[in-house]
Amino acid sequence: MSRNDVRRLENLTPIDGRDLYTVQLNLTPLDQLGQKNDGEKTRAALNAWLFPDKASSQTPPSVTQDNE
């Protein structure tokens, strides 16, 4: 939801420039912070989640997980 979407739900008037949709990245695992290309992986995962039809036609990025 954008900030203006929330304002509408709270019966407040919209504010110019507040229709931008954002995502919080504060739940990124600590072991993934600062890794090379971590922004690209996050962006690819977000795009796949937001636009599943487009993602199915593209090859997903390889992601390795440590199961220690």
C-alpha atoms as a PDB file:
ATOM      1  CA  MET A   1       0.000   0.000   0.000  1.00  0.00           C
ATOM      2  CA  SER A   2       1.167   3.499  -0.671  1.00  0.00           C
ATOM      3  CA  ARG A   3       1.063   6.172   1.982  1.00  0.00           C
ATOM      4  CA  ASN A   4      -1.918   7.746   0.230  1.00  0.00           C
ATOM      5  CA  ASP A   5      -3.752   4.392   0.189  1.00  0.00           C
ATOM      6  CA  VAL A   6      -3.482   4.340   3.966  1.00  0.00           C
ATOM      7  CA  ARG A   7      -4.518   7.985   4.214  1.00  0.00           C
ATOM      8  CA  ARG A   8      -7.663   7.221   2.189  1.00  0.00           C
ATOM      9  CA  LEU A   9      -8.533   4.353   4.540  1.00  0.00           C
ATOM     10  CA  GLU A  10      -8.166   6.763   7.448  1.00  0.00           C
ATOM     11  CA  ASN A  11     -10.364   9.357   5.705  1.00  0.00           C
ATOM     12  CA  LEU A  12      -7.454  11.751   5.240  1.00  0.00           C
ATOM     13  CA  THR A  13      -6.722  13.723   2.107  1.00  0.00           C
ATOM     14  CA  PRO A  14      -3.934  12.467  -0.156  1.00  0.00           C
ATOM     15  CA  ILE A  15      -0.569  14.225  -0.229  1.00  0.00           C
ATOM     16  CA  ASP A  16       1.212  14.910  -3.529  1.00  0.00           C
ATOM     17  CA  GLY A  17       4.021  12.478  -4.215  1.00  0.00           C
ATOM     18  CA  ARG A  18       2.895   9.867  -1.696  1.00  0.00           C
ATOM     19  CA  ASP A  19       1.593   7.315  -4.213  1.00  0.00           C
ATOM     20  CA  LEU A  20       4.963   5.589  -4.473  1.00  0.00           C
ATOM     21  CA  TYR A  21       4.911   1.898  -3.525  1.00  0.00           C
ATOM     22  CA  THR A  22       7.849   0.847  -1.383  1.00  0.00           C
ATOM     23  CA  VAL A  23       9.062  -2.310   0.288  1.00  0.00           C
ATOM     24  CA  GLN A  24      10.763  -2.724   3.644  1.00  0.00           C
ATOM     25  CA  LEU A  25      14.030  -4.594   3.647  1.00  0.00           C
ATOM     26  CA  ASN A  26      14.565  -4.636   7.395  1.00  0.00           C
ATOM     27  CA  LEU A  27      13.960  -8.404   7.622  1.00  0.00           C
ATOM     28  CA  THR A  28      16.947  -9.311   5.483  1.00  0.00           C
ATOM     29  CA  PRO A  29      18.957 -12.075   7.182  1.00  0.00           C
ATOM     30  CA  LEU A  30      22.185 -10.776   8.704  1.00  0.00           C
ATOM     31  CA  ASP A  31      24.315 -13.264   6.803  1.00  0.00           C
ATOM     32  CA  GLN A  32      23.040 -11.774   3.535  1.00  0.00           C
ATOM     33  CA  LEU A  33      23.760  -8.122   4.334  1.00  0.00           C
ATOM     34  CA  GLY A  34      26.533  -6.608   2.283  1.00  0.00           C
ATOM     35  CA  GLN A  35      26.884  -9.553  -0.072  1.00  0.00           C
ATOM     36  CA  LYS A  36      27.815  -8.780  -3.621  1.00  0.00           C
ATOM     37  CA  ASN A  37      24.691  -8.408  -5.797  1.00  0.00           C
ATOM     38  CA  ASP A  38      22.352  -8.722  -2.800  1.00  0.00           C
ATOM     39  CA  GLY A  39      20.310  -5.815  -4.175  1.00  0.00           C
ATOM     40  CA  GLU A  40      19.881  -7.577  -7.501  1.00  0.00           C
ATOM     41  CA  LYS A  41      18.704 -10.787  -5.798  1.00  0.00           C
ATOM     42  CA  THR A  42      16.248  -8.862  -3.643  1.00  0.00           C
ATOM     43  CA  ARG A  43      14.935  -6.946  -6.645  1.00  0.00           C
ATOM     44  CA  ALA A  44      14.539 -10.171  -8.649  1.00  0.00           C
ATOM     45  CA  ALA A  45      12.706 -11.901  -5.794  1.00  0.00           C
ATOM     46  CA  LEU A  46      10.401  -8.910  -5.315  1.00  0.00           C
ATOM     47  CA  ASN A  47       9.636  -8.708  -9.041  1.00  0.00           C
ATOM     48  CA  ALA A  48       8.889 -12.438  -9.118  1.00  0.00           C
ATOM     49  CA  TRP A  49       6.491 -12.037  -6.207  1.00  0.00           C
ATOM     50  CA  LEU A  50       4.787  -8.898  -7.545  1.00  0.00           C
ATOM     51  CA  PHE A  51       4.651 -10.005 -11.183  1.00  0.00           C
ATOM     52  CA  PRO A  52       4.462 -13.824 -11.224  1.00  0.00           C
ATOM     53  CA  ASP A  53       3.337 -13.918 -14.878  1.00  0.00           C
ATOM     54  CA  LYS A  54       6.491 -12.146 -16.030  1.00  0.00           C
ATOM     55  CA  ALA A  55       8.745 -14.191 -13.749  1.00  0.00           C
ATOM     56  CA  SER A  56       7.507 -17.504 -15.120  1.00  0.00           C
ATOM     57  CA  SER A  57       8.773 -16.577 -18.572  1.00  0.00           C
ATOM     58  CA  GLN A  58      12.243 -15.756 -17.263  1.00  0.00           C
ATOM     59  CA  THR A  59      14.883 -17.984 -15.765  1.00  0.00           C
ATOM     60  CA  PRO A  60      14.958 -17.446 -11.999  1.00  0.00           C
ATOM     61  CA  PRO A  61      18.276 -16.433 -10.445  1.00  0.00           C
ATOM     62  CA  SER A  62      20.178 -19.216  -8.737  1.00  0.00           C
ATOM     63  CA  VAL A  63      20.033 -18.914  -4.981  1.00  0.00           C
ATOM     64  CA  THR A  64      22.074 -21.087  -2.692  1.00  0.00           C
ATOM     65  CA  GLN A  65      21.158 -21.699   0.914  1.00  0.00           C
ATOM     66  CA  ASP A  66      23.329 -23.014   3.699  1.00  0.00           C
ATOM     67  CA  ASN A  67      21.506 -25.672   5.678  1.00  0.00           C
ATOM     68  CA  GLU A  68      23.804 -25.789   8.670  1.00  0.00           C
END
